Amino acid sequence: MRIWTPEKSSEMKDDQYFYQDLNRYYFGAGTTFKQLMESDLVPIKLQVIYNRYLQEDTSLEMSMADFLSELQADSIKERVLSALKMRVHVMLPQEKQSGLFREKIMTVKEWNRLRADLAGEWVFREIELSKRALLFFEV
């Protein structure tokens, strides 16, 4: 397993990382598109997908969490991310105990449906993409 973190910087945060295993790529929720585009570990095909489908109305300084927070339902961006089998790891508050959270892993479509109901009571942890879906995605 290879893990990437940004170059040593005073602005480096714990939620800015990228790693992979045999089946998936994982991105920290605070990782910006600029960090992903400049990394040698991120597949070139993913960079091409960003430039072709996701770049409109986004900034390279935007974090993955900010991007998903502003994602519109049934948009081309949502369809591309669904085709890549993107899943988000979100921390949701426990209903019966205040101050406690549980992790839920959901697809992008599930996230867009649930987001309106949560009203800011969530924390992004991680985003994952399927290597197989990326392999078969036609650019």
N, C-alpha and C. Protein backbone atom coordinates (compact mmCIF):
# COMPACT_ATOMS: atom_id res chain seq x y z
N MET A 1 0.84 -1.16 0.00
CA MET A 1 0.00 0.00 0.00
C MET A 1 0.89 1.23 0.00
N ARG A 2 0.61 2.16 -0.91
CA ARG A 2 1.38 3.40 -0.98
C ARG A 2 0.51 4.54 -0.48
N ILE A 3 1.04 5.34 0.42
CA ILE A 3 0.30 6.46 0.98
C ILE A 3 0.97 7.74 0.55
N TRP A 4 0.17 8.70 0.12
CA TRP A 4 0.67 10.00 -0.27
C TRP A 4 0.10 11.05 0.66
N THR A 5 0.93 11.96 1.10
CA THR A 5 0.47 13.15 1.79
C THR A 5 1.15 14.33 1.12
N PRO A 6 0.58 15.53 1.23
CA PRO A 6 1.20 16.68 0.57
C PRO A 6 2.62 16.90 1.08
N GLU A 7 3.40 17.63 0.29
CA GLU A 7 4.75 17.98 0.71
C GLU A 7 4.70 18.67 2.07
N LYS A 8 5.80 18.58 2.80
CA LYS A 8 5.83 19.20 4.12
C LYS A 8 5.45 20.67 3.99
N SER A 9 4.47 21.05 4.73
CA SER A 9 3.94 22.40 4.64
C SER A 9 3.33 22.78 5.97
N SER A 10 3.33 24.05 6.26
CA SER A 10 2.71 24.50 7.50
C SER A 10 1.19 24.37 7.43
N GLU A 11 0.66 24.22 6.21
CA GLU A 11 -0.79 24.13 6.05
C GLU A 11 -1.27 22.69 5.90
N MET A 12 -0.41 21.71 6.08
CA MET A 12 -0.81 20.32 5.93
C MET A 12 -1.77 19.92 7.05
N LYS A 13 -2.83 19.24 6.68
CA LYS A 13 -3.85 18.84 7.64
C LYS A 13 -3.96 17.32 7.67
N ASP A 14 -4.56 16.81 8.72
CA ASP A 14 -4.72 15.37 8.87
C ASP A 14 -5.68 14.76 7.86
N ASP A 15 -6.58 15.56 7.32
CA ASP A 15 -7.56 15.02 6.39
C ASP A 15 -7.16 15.20 4.93
N GLN A 16 -5.88 15.46 4.67
CA GLN A 16 -5.38 15.61 3.30
C GLN A 16 -4.43 14.45 3.00
N TYR A 17 -4.96 13.41 2.37
CA TYR A 17 -4.15 12.25 2.04
C TYR A 17 -4.76 11.50 0.87
N PHE A 18 -3.99 10.60 0.31
CA PHE A 18 -4.43 9.73 -0.77
C PHE A 18 -3.71 8.40 -0.58
N TYR A 19 -4.45 7.30 -0.62
CA TYR A 19 -3.81 5.99 -0.60
C TYR A 19 -4.67 5.02 -1.40
N GLN A 20 -4.12 3.85 -1.64
CA GLN A 20 -4.83 2.86 -2.43
C GLN A 20 -4.56 1.47 -1.89
N ASP A 21 -5.50 0.57 -2.14
CA ASP A 21 -5.27 -0.84 -1.88
C ASP A 21 -5.53 -1.58 -3.20
N LEU A 22 -5.80 -2.86 -3.16
CA LEU A 22 -5.97 -3.62 -4.40
C LEU A 22 -7.21 -3.22 -5.20
N ASN A 23 -8.26 -2.77 -4.52
CA ASN A 23 -9.52 -2.52 -5.20
C ASN A 23 -9.95 -1.07 -5.30
N ARG A 24 -9.41 -0.21 -4.45
CA ARG A 24 -9.94 1.15 -4.36
C ARG A 24 -8.86 2.20 -4.16
N TYR A 25 -9.22 3.44 -4.54
CA TYR A 25 -8.43 4.63 -4.21
C TYR A 25 -9.18 5.35 -3.09
N TYR A 26 -8.45 5.90 -2.14
CA TYR A 26 -9.04 6.60 -1.01
C TYR A 26 -8.47 8.01 -0.94
N PHE A 27 -9.34 9.00 -0.71
CA PHE A 27 -8.93 10.39 -0.61
C PHE A 27 -9.45 10.95 0.70
N GLY A 28 -8.61 11.68 1.40
CA GLY A 28 -9.07 12.39 2.59
C GLY A 28 -10.04 13.48 2.18
N ALA A 29 -11.01 13.76 3.01
CA ALA A 29 -12.04 14.74 2.67
C ALA A 29 -11.47 16.14 2.49
N GLY A 30 -10.35 16.45 3.11
CA GLY A 30 -9.76 17.77 2.99
C GLY A 30 -8.79 17.92 1.84
N THR A 31 -8.55 16.85 1.11
CA THR A 31 -7.63 16.90 -0.03
C THR A 31 -8.22 17.78 -1.12
N THR A 32 -7.42 18.69 -1.65
CA THR A 32 -7.90 19.59 -2.70
C THR A 32 -7.65 18.97 -4.07
N PHE A 33 -8.36 19.46 -5.05
CA PHE A 33 -8.15 18.98 -6.41
C PHE A 33 -6.74 19.31 -6.89
N LYS A 34 -6.20 20.42 -6.46
CA LYS A 34 -4.84 20.80 -6.85
C LYS A 34 -3.84 19.76 -6.35
N GLN A 35 -3.99 19.31 -5.11
CA GLN A 35 -3.09 18.29 -4.56
C GLN A 35 -3.21 16.99 -5.35
N LEU A 36 -4.43 16.64 -5.74
CA LEU A 36 -4.62 15.41 -6.52
C LEU A 36 -4.02 15.53 -7.92
N MET A 37 -4.19 16.68 -8.54
CA MET A 37 -3.67 16.87 -9.90
C MET A 37 -2.15 16.91 -9.93
N GLU A 38 -1.52 17.33 -8.85
CA GLU A 38 -0.06 17.43 -8.80
C GLU A 38 0.61 16.15 -8.31
N SER A 39 -0.15 15.20 -7.80
CA SER A 39 0.43 13.97 -7.25
C SER A 39 0.77 12.97 -8.35
N ASP A 40 1.93 12.34 -8.22
CA ASP A 40 2.33 11.30 -9.17
C ASP A 40 1.59 9.99 -8.92
N LEU A 41 1.01 9.82 -7.74
CA LEU A 41 0.34 8.57 -7.40
C LEU A 41 -1.09 8.51 -7.92
N VAL A 42 -1.68 9.66 -8.22
CA VAL A 42 -3.05 9.69 -8.73
C VAL A 42 -3.02 9.31 -10.20
N PRO A 43 -3.85 8.36 -10.63
CA PRO A 43 -3.83 7.92 -12.02
C PRO A 43 -4.15 9.06 -12.99
N ILE A 44 -3.48 9.08 -14.11
CA ILE A 44 -3.67 10.12 -15.11
C ILE A 44 -5.11 10.11 -15.64
N LYS A 45 -5.73 8.95 -15.69
CA LYS A 45 -7.10 8.87 -16.17
C LYS A 45 -8.05 9.64 -15.25
N LEU A 46 -7.80 9.59 -13.95
CA LEU A 46 -8.62 10.35 -13.01
C LEU A 46 -8.43 11.85 -13.21
N GLN A 47 -7.21 12.25 -13.52
CA GLN A 47 -6.95 13.66 -13.81
C GLN A 47 -7.68 14.10 -15.08
N VAL A 48 -7.70 13.24 -16.08
CA VAL A 48 -8.41 13.55 -17.33
C VAL A 48 -9.92 13.65 -17.08
N ILE A 49 -10.45 12.76 -16.26
CA ILE A 49 -11.88 12.80 -15.93
C ILE A 49 -12.21 14.12 -15.23
N TYR A 50 -11.34 14.54 -14.31
CA TYR A 50 -11.57 15.84 -13.64
C TYR A 50 -11.60 16.96 -14.68
N ASN A 51 -10.60 17.00 -15.54
CA ASN A 51 -10.52 18.08 -16.53
C ASN A 51 -11.69 18.08 -17.51
N ARG A 52 -12.19 16.92 -17.84
CA ARG A 52 -13.24 16.84 -18.84
C ARG A 52 -14.65 16.99 -18.26
N TYR A 53 -14.91 16.40 -17.09
CA TYR A 53 -16.28 16.35 -16.58
C TYR A 53 -16.53 17.13 -15.29
N LEU A 54 -15.54 17.27 -14.44
CA LEU A 54 -15.79 17.83 -13.11
C LEU A 54 -15.29 19.25 -12.92
N GLN A 55 -14.51 19.76 -13.84
CA GLN A 55 -13.83 21.03 -13.66
C GLN A 55 -14.78 22.24 -13.67
N GLU A 56 -15.88 22.14 -14.39
CA GLU A 56 -16.80 23.27 -14.50
C GLU A 56 -17.36 23.65 -13.13
N ASP A 57 -17.32 24.93 -12.81
CA ASP A 57 -17.81 25.48 -11.54
C ASP A 57 -17.06 24.96 -10.32
N THR A 58 -15.86 24.45 -10.50
CA THR A 58 -15.04 24.04 -9.36
C THR A 58 -13.69 24.74 -9.45
N SER A 59 -13.04 24.81 -8.32
CA SER A 59 -11.73 25.42 -8.24
C SER A 59 -10.72 24.36 -7.84
N LEU A 60 -9.49 24.52 -8.25
CA LEU A 60 -8.45 23.57 -7.84
C LEU A 60 -8.21 23.64 -6.34
N GLU A 61 -8.56 24.76 -5.72
CA GLU A 61 -8.38 24.92 -4.27
C GLU A 61 -9.53 24.29 -3.48
N MET A 62 -10.55 23.82 -4.16
CA MET A 62 -11.72 23.23 -3.50
C MET A 62 -11.37 21.85 -2.96
N SER A 63 -11.79 21.58 -1.73
CA SER A 63 -11.55 20.26 -1.14
C SER A 63 -12.61 19.29 -1.64
N MET A 64 -12.35 18.01 -1.47
CA MET A 64 -13.31 16.99 -1.88
C MET A 64 -14.61 17.15 -1.10
N ALA A 65 -14.52 17.48 0.19
CA ALA A 65 -15.72 17.66 1.01
C ALA A 65 -16.56 18.83 0.51
N ASP A 66 -15.92 19.94 0.17
CA ASP A 66 -16.65 21.10 -0.36
C ASP A 66 -17.31 20.76 -1.70
N PHE A 67 -16.60 20.04 -2.53
CA PHE A 67 -17.13 19.64 -3.84
C PHE A 67 -18.39 18.79 -3.66
N LEU A 68 -18.35 17.81 -2.77
CA LEU A 68 -19.51 16.94 -2.56
C LEU A 68 -20.65 17.66 -1.86
N SER A 69 -20.33 18.65 -1.05
CA SER A 69 -21.38 19.42 -0.37
C SER A 69 -22.19 20.25 -1.35
N GLU A 70 -21.56 20.65 -2.46
CA GLU A 70 -22.23 21.48 -3.46
C GLU A 70 -22.72 20.68 -4.66
N LEU A 71 -22.57 19.38 -4.64
CA LEU A 71 -22.95 18.53 -5.77
C LEU A 71 -24.47 18.53 -5.96
N GLN A 72 -24.91 18.78 -7.18
CA GLN A 72 -26.33 18.81 -7.50
C GLN A 72 -26.82 17.41 -7.88
N ALA A 73 -28.03 17.09 -7.45
CA ALA A 73 -28.62 15.79 -7.78
C ALA A 73 -28.89 15.72 -9.28
N ASP A 74 -28.69 14.56 -9.85
CA ASP A 74 -28.94 14.27 -11.27
C ASP A 74 -28.12 15.12 -12.22
N SER A 75 -26.99 15.63 -11.77
CA SER A 75 -26.10 16.39 -12.64
C SER A 75 -25.13 15.44 -13.34
N ILE A 76 -24.43 15.95 -14.33
CA ILE A 76 -23.42 15.13 -15.02
C ILE A 76 -22.33 14.73 -14.05
N LYS A 77 -22.01 15.60 -13.12
CA LYS A 77 -20.97 15.29 -12.13
C LYS A 77 -21.40 14.10 -11.27
N GLU A 78 -22.65 14.10 -10.84
CA GLU A 78 -23.14 12.98 -10.03
C GLU A 78 -23.13 11.68 -10.84
N ARG A 79 -23.51 11.76 -12.10
CA ARG A 79 -23.51 10.56 -12.93
C ARG A 79 -22.11 10.02 -13.15
N VAL A 80 -21.13 10.91 -13.34
CA VAL A 80 -19.74 10.48 -13.52
C VAL A 80 -19.23 9.81 -12.24
N LEU A 81 -19.49 10.44 -11.10
CA LEU A 81 -19.03 9.88 -9.83
C LEU A 81 -19.72 8.55 -9.52
N SER A 82 -20.98 8.43 -9.90
CA SER A 82 -21.68 7.16 -9.72
C SER A 82 -21.09 6.08 -10.62
N ALA A 83 -20.73 6.45 -11.84
CA ALA A 83 -20.10 5.50 -12.76
C ALA A 83 -18.75 5.03 -12.23
N LEU A 84 -18.07 5.89 -11.48
CA LEU A 84 -16.78 5.52 -10.88
C LEU A 84 -16.96 4.78 -9.55
N LYS A 85 -18.20 4.49 -9.20
CA LYS A 85 -18.54 3.78 -7.96
C LYS A 85 -17.98 4.51 -6.73
N MET A 86 -18.09 5.83 -6.75
CA MET A 86 -17.61 6.61 -5.61
C MET A 86 -18.51 6.37 -4.40
N ARG A 87 -17.86 6.20 -3.26
CA ARG A 87 -18.57 6.10 -1.99
C ARG A 87 -17.96 7.12 -1.03
N VAL A 88 -18.79 7.66 -0.17
CA VAL A 88 -18.33 8.64 0.80
C VAL A 88 -18.47 8.07 2.21
N HIS A 89 -17.48 8.36 3.03
CA HIS A 89 -17.51 7.98 4.44
C HIS A 89 -17.92 9.22 5.22
N VAL A 90 -19.07 9.15 5.86
CA VAL A 90 -19.62 10.31 6.57
C VAL A 90 -19.86 9.92 8.02
N MET A 91 -19.51 10.83 8.91
CA MET A 91 -19.79 10.64 10.34
C MET A 91 -21.13 11.32 10.63
N LEU A 92 -22.09 10.53 11.14
CA LEU A 92 -23.42 11.04 11.45
C LEU A 92 -23.64 10.97 12.96
N PRO A 93 -24.38 11.92 13.53
CA PRO A 93 -24.61 11.88 14.98
C PRO A 93 -25.52 10.72 15.37
N GLN A 94 -25.24 10.13 16.53
CA GLN A 94 -26.12 9.09 17.08
C GLN A 94 -27.41 9.76 17.51
N GLU A 95 -28.53 9.13 17.26
CA GLU A 95 -29.81 9.73 17.61
C GLU A 95 -30.06 9.73 19.11
N LYS A 96 -29.64 8.69 19.80
CA LYS A 96 -29.97 8.55 21.21
C LYS A 96 -28.93 9.17 22.14
N GLN A 97 -27.71 9.37 21.66
CA GLN A 97 -26.65 9.88 22.52
C GLN A 97 -26.01 11.09 21.86
N SER A 98 -26.10 12.22 22.53
CA SER A 98 -25.51 13.42 21.94
C SER A 98 -24.00 13.38 22.08
N GLY A 99 -23.32 13.94 21.10
CA GLY A 99 -21.86 13.98 21.11
C GLY A 99 -21.20 12.75 20.53
N LEU A 100 -21.96 11.72 20.22
CA LEU A 100 -21.41 10.50 19.63
C LEU A 100 -21.80 10.42 18.16
N PHE A 101 -20.86 9.92 17.36
CA PHE A 101 -21.09 9.81 15.93
C PHE A 101 -20.87 8.37 15.49
N ARG A 102 -21.49 7.99 14.39
CA ARG A 102 -21.25 6.68 13.77
C ARG A 102 -20.90 6.92 12.31
N GLU A 103 -20.09 6.04 11.77
CA GLU A 103 -19.69 6.18 10.37
C GLU A 103 -20.68 5.47 9.48
N LYS A 104 -21.03 6.12 8.39
CA LYS A 104 -21.88 5.51 7.38
C LYS A 104 -21.18 5.66 6.04
N ILE A 105 -21.12 4.57 5.29
CA ILE A 105 -20.53 4.58 3.96
C ILE A 105 -21.68 4.50 2.97
N MET A 106 -21.74 5.49 2.07
CA MET A 106 -22.86 5.54 1.14
C MET A 106 -22.41 5.97 -0.25
N THR A 107 -23.24 5.67 -1.22
CA THR A 107 -22.95 6.09 -2.59
C THR A 107 -23.24 7.58 -2.74
N VAL A 108 -22.83 8.13 -3.86
CA VAL A 108 -23.05 9.56 -4.11
C VAL A 108 -24.55 9.87 -4.19
N LYS A 109 -25.32 9.00 -4.82
CA LYS A 109 -26.77 9.23 -4.92
C LYS A 109 -27.42 9.16 -3.55
N GLU A 110 -27.03 8.20 -2.73
CA GLU A 110 -27.57 8.13 -1.36
C GLU A 110 -27.20 9.39 -0.59
N TRP A 111 -25.96 9.86 -0.77
CA TRP A 111 -25.52 11.07 -0.08
C TRP A 111 -26.37 12.27 -0.49
N ASN A 112 -26.64 12.43 -1.78
CA ASN A 112 -27.44 13.56 -2.23
C ASN A 112 -28.86 13.51 -1.70
N ARG A 113 -29.44 12.32 -1.56
CA ARG A 113 -30.78 12.19 -1.00
C ARG A 113 -30.78 12.52 0.50
N LEU A 114 -29.76 12.06 1.21
CA LEU A 114 -29.71 12.21 2.66
C LEU A 114 -29.25 13.59 3.10
N ARG A 115 -28.47 14.26 2.27
CA ARG A 115 -27.85 15.54 2.64
C ARG A 115 -28.88 16.59 3.09
N ALA A 116 -30.00 16.70 2.40
CA ALA A 116 -31.01 17.70 2.74
C ALA A 116 -31.61 17.44 4.12
N ASP A 117 -31.75 16.19 4.50
CA ASP A 117 -32.33 15.85 5.80
C ASP A 117 -31.38 16.11 6.96
N LEU A 118 -30.08 16.09 6.71
CA LEU A 118 -29.12 16.19 7.81
C LEU A 118 -28.85 17.62 8.26
N ALA A 119 -29.01 18.59 7.40
CA ALA A 119 -28.85 20.01 7.74
C ALA A 119 -27.55 20.31 8.47
N GLY A 120 -26.44 19.86 7.93
CA GLY A 120 -25.13 20.22 8.48
C GLY A 120 -24.69 19.41 9.68
N GLU A 121 -25.40 18.38 10.04
CA GLU A 121 -25.04 17.56 11.20
C GLU A 121 -24.21 16.36 10.79
N TRP A 122 -23.21 16.56 9.97
CA TRP A 122 -22.38 15.47 9.48
C TRP A 122 -20.96 15.96 9.29
N VAL A 123 -20.04 15.00 9.21
CA VAL A 123 -18.63 15.30 8.98
C VAL A 123 -18.11 14.32 7.94
N PHE A 124 -17.55 14.84 6.84
CA PHE A 124 -16.92 13.97 5.85
C PHE A 124 -15.61 13.43 6.40
N ARG A 125 -15.34 12.17 6.15
CA ARG A 125 -14.06 11.58 6.53
C ARG A 125 -13.22 11.25 5.32
N GLU A 126 -13.83 10.52 4.38
CA GLU A 126 -13.04 9.95 3.29
C GLU A 126 -13.92 9.71 2.08
N ILE A 127 -13.29 9.70 0.92
CA ILE A 127 -13.96 9.39 -0.34
C ILE A 127 -13.20 8.24 -0.97
N GLU A 128 -13.92 7.28 -1.53
CA GLU A 128 -13.25 6.15 -2.19
C GLU A 128 -13.80 5.95 -3.59
N LEU A 129 -12.92 5.50 -4.49
CA LEU A 129 -13.27 5.21 -5.88
C LEU A 129 -12.86 3.78 -6.20
N SER A 130 -13.64 3.13 -7.02
CA SER A 130 -13.33 1.77 -7.45
C SER A 130 -12.29 1.79 -8.57
N LYS A 131 -11.22 1.01 -8.41
CA LYS A 131 -10.21 0.91 -9.47
C LYS A 131 -10.80 0.26 -10.71
N ARG A 132 -11.64 -0.72 -10.50
CA ARG A 132 -12.24 -1.42 -11.63
C ARG A 132 -13.16 -0.49 -12.44
N ALA A 133 -13.96 0.31 -11.73
CA ALA A 133 -14.84 1.26 -12.42
C ALA A 133 -14.02 2.29 -13.18
N LEU A 134 -12.90 2.73 -12.60
CA LEU A 134 -12.03 3.68 -13.30
C LEU A 134 -11.43 3.04 -14.54
N LEU A 135 -11.06 1.78 -14.45
CA LEU A 135 -10.48 1.07 -15.58
C LEU A 135 -11.46 1.01 -16.75
N PHE A 136 -12.73 0.74 -16.46
CA PHE A 136 -13.72 0.56 -17.52
C PHE A 136 -14.45 1.85 -17.90
N PHE A 137 -14.17 2.94 -17.23
CA PHE A 137 -14.79 4.22 -17.57
C PHE A 137 -14.21 4.72 -18.89
N GLU A 138 -15.06 5.03 -19.84
CA GLU A 138 -14.58 5.51 -21.14
C GLU A 138 -14.57 7.03 -21.14
N VAL A 139 -13.40 7.58 -21.39
CA VAL A 139 -13.24 9.04 -21.39
C VAL A 139 -13.58 9.58 -22.76
